Protein backbone atom coordinates (compact mmCIF):
# COMPACT_ATOMS: atom_id res chain seq x y z
CA UNK A 1 16.37 -1.37 9.29
CA UNK A 2 15.52 1.63 11.46
CA UNK A 3 14.10 1.19 14.95
CA UNK A 4 10.83 2.76 13.83
CA UNK A 5 10.51 0.31 10.92
CA UNK A 6 11.39 -2.68 13.15
CA UNK A 7 8.77 -1.59 15.70
CA UNK A 8 6.17 -1.05 12.99
CA UNK A 9 6.78 -4.58 11.68
CA UNK A 10 6.58 -6.04 15.19
CA UNK A 11 3.35 -4.11 15.83
CA UNK A 12 1.84 -5.35 12.59
CA UNK A 13 2.80 -8.94 13.52
CA UNK A 14 1.14 -8.39 16.90
CA UNK A 15 -2.04 -6.94 15.39
CA UNK A 16 -2.24 -9.64 12.71
CA UNK A 17 -1.78 -12.28 15.45
CA UNK A 18 -4.70 -10.81 17.44
CA UNK A 19 -6.84 -10.62 14.29
CA UNK A 20 -6.09 -14.20 13.23
CA UNK A 21 -5.89 -15.70 16.72
CA UNK A 22 -2.37 -16.85 15.86
CA UNK A 23 -0.78 -17.55 19.23
CA UNK A 24 2.42 -18.85 17.62
CA UNK A 25 3.19 -15.52 15.97
CA UNK A 26 2.04 -13.61 19.07
CA UNK A 27 4.52 -15.53 21.19
CA UNK A 28 7.36 -14.23 18.97
CA UNK A 29 6.64 -10.58 19.84
CA UNK A 30 6.40 -10.97 23.63
CA UNK A 31 9.29 -11.33 26.04
CA UNK A 32 8.79 -14.67 27.86
CA UNK A 33 8.36 -12.81 31.18
CA UNK A 34 6.06 -10.07 29.86
CA UNK A 35 2.93 -9.05 31.75
CA UNK A 36 -0.47 -8.29 30.27
CA UNK A 37 -2.71 -6.12 32.44
CA UNK A 38 -6.15 -4.56 32.22
CA UNK A 39 -9.27 -3.62 34.14
CA UNK A 40 -11.80 -4.62 31.46
CA UNK A 41 -13.43 -7.15 33.81
CA UNK A 42 -14.14 -4.44 36.38
CA UNK A 43 -11.09 -5.10 38.53
CA UNK A 44 -7.33 -5.26 38.03
CA UNK A 45 -6.21 -8.36 36.13
CA UNK A 46 -2.57 -9.32 35.56
CA UNK A 47 -1.53 -12.28 33.42
CA UNK A 48 1.66 -13.79 32.11
CA UNK A 49 2.18 -14.51 28.43
CA UNK A 50 0.99 -18.13 28.65
CA UNK A 51 -2.25 -17.13 30.41
CA UNK A 52 -2.87 -14.38 27.88
CA UNK A 53 -2.23 -16.63 24.89
CA UNK A 54 -4.57 -19.27 26.31
CA UNK A 55 -7.30 -16.63 26.38
CA UNK A 56 -6.58 -15.66 22.77
CA UNK A 57 -6.66 -19.31 21.70
CA UNK A 58 -9.96 -19.93 23.48
CA UNK A 59 -11.97 -17.27 21.63
CA UNK A 60 -13.20 -17.00 18.08
CA UNK A 61 -10.74 -14.79 16.21
CA UNK A 62 -12.00 -11.67 14.44
CA UNK A 63 -10.99 -13.27 11.13
CA UNK A 64 -12.97 -16.44 11.93
CA UNK A 65 -15.93 -14.22 12.81
CA UNK A 66 -15.75 -12.70 9.33
CA UNK A 67 -14.73 -9.25 10.53
CA UNK A 68 -12.46 -6.97 8.52
CA UNK A 69 -9.08 -6.08 10.01
CA UNK A 70 -9.70 -2.87 11.98
CA UNK A 71 -6.52 -2.55 14.00
CA UNK A 72 -3.64 -0.12 13.55
CA UNK A 73 -0.76 1.52 15.40
CA UNK A 74 -1.48 5.10 16.48
CA UNK A 75 1.99 6.09 17.65
CA UNK A 76 5.51 4.75 18.10
CA UNK A 77 8.05 6.43 20.36
CA UNK A 78 11.65 5.28 20.78
CA UNK A 79 13.95 6.36 23.60
CA UNK A 80 17.27 4.52 23.38
CA UNK A 81 16.64 0.84 24.14
CA UNK A 82 13.01 1.48 25.14
CA UNK A 83 9.90 2.03 23.05
CA UNK A 84 6.20 2.68 23.53
CA UNK A 85 3.57 1.77 20.95
CA UNK A 86 -0.05 2.83 21.16
CA UNK A 87 -2.44 0.80 19.01
CA UNK A 88 -6.18 0.96 18.37
CA UNK A 89 -8.11 -2.29 17.95
CA UNK A 90 -11.75 -2.78 16.99
CA UNK A 91 -12.91 -6.38 17.07
CA UNK A 92 -15.67 -8.66 18.33
CA UNK A 93 -17.79 -5.68 19.41
CA UNK A 94 -14.94 -4.05 21.33
CA UNK A 95 -12.91 -0.88 20.80
CA UNK A 96 -9.62 -1.08 22.70
CA UNK A 97 -6.48 0.97 23.11
CA UNK A 98 -3.31 -1.05 23.71
CA UNK A 99 -0.23 0.49 25.32
CA UNK A 100 2.76 -1.70 24.53
CA UNK A 101 6.07 -1.18 26.34
CA UNK A 102 9.04 -2.68 24.55
CA UNK A 103 12.71 -3.19 25.28
CA UNK A 104 15.51 -4.11 22.91
CA UNK A 105 16.65 -7.45 24.35
CA UNK A 106 19.80 -8.96 22.82
CA UNK A 107 19.28 -6.80 19.74
CA UNK A 108 15.59 -7.69 19.30
CA UNK A 109 12.57 -5.55 20.18
CA UNK A 110 10.10 -7.41 22.40
CA UNK A 111 6.89 -6.44 24.20
CA UNK A 112 7.62 -6.53 27.93
CA UNK A 113 4.35 -5.03 29.16
CA UNK A 114 0.91 -4.68 27.62
CA UNK A 115 -1.88 -2.59 29.11
CA UNK A 116 -5.24 -2.40 27.42
CA UNK A 117 -8.67 -0.98 27.99
CA UNK A 118 -11.67 0.50 26.26
CA UNK A 119 -11.13 3.51 24.03
CA UNK A 120 -12.88 6.75 24.93
CA UNK A 121 -15.69 7.25 22.49
């Protein structure tokens, strides 16, 4: 499988996990020491994977809310053992852009850093 295809599959697993609120599948795409950072609350917020997944688990998922899946990758760039994925997500009244930094760790692509914020409209 090409790097691009592997990253597309990982991104789709990530997006499906967000849509369904499936923290088990989300955990498989993040490096255990990944950071998730944003300023959506008005100030800088930095969380580890466990804190982030607790937040996902505590909210109603877009699927449970009866929303259609409106999330998709916008771009995938690979540079050696590094990759950057940009994804657009619309759910629960929000329109976000996610910037996902990935590294190939022991032969497996994993998200090591996630930044997200509102999309420019």
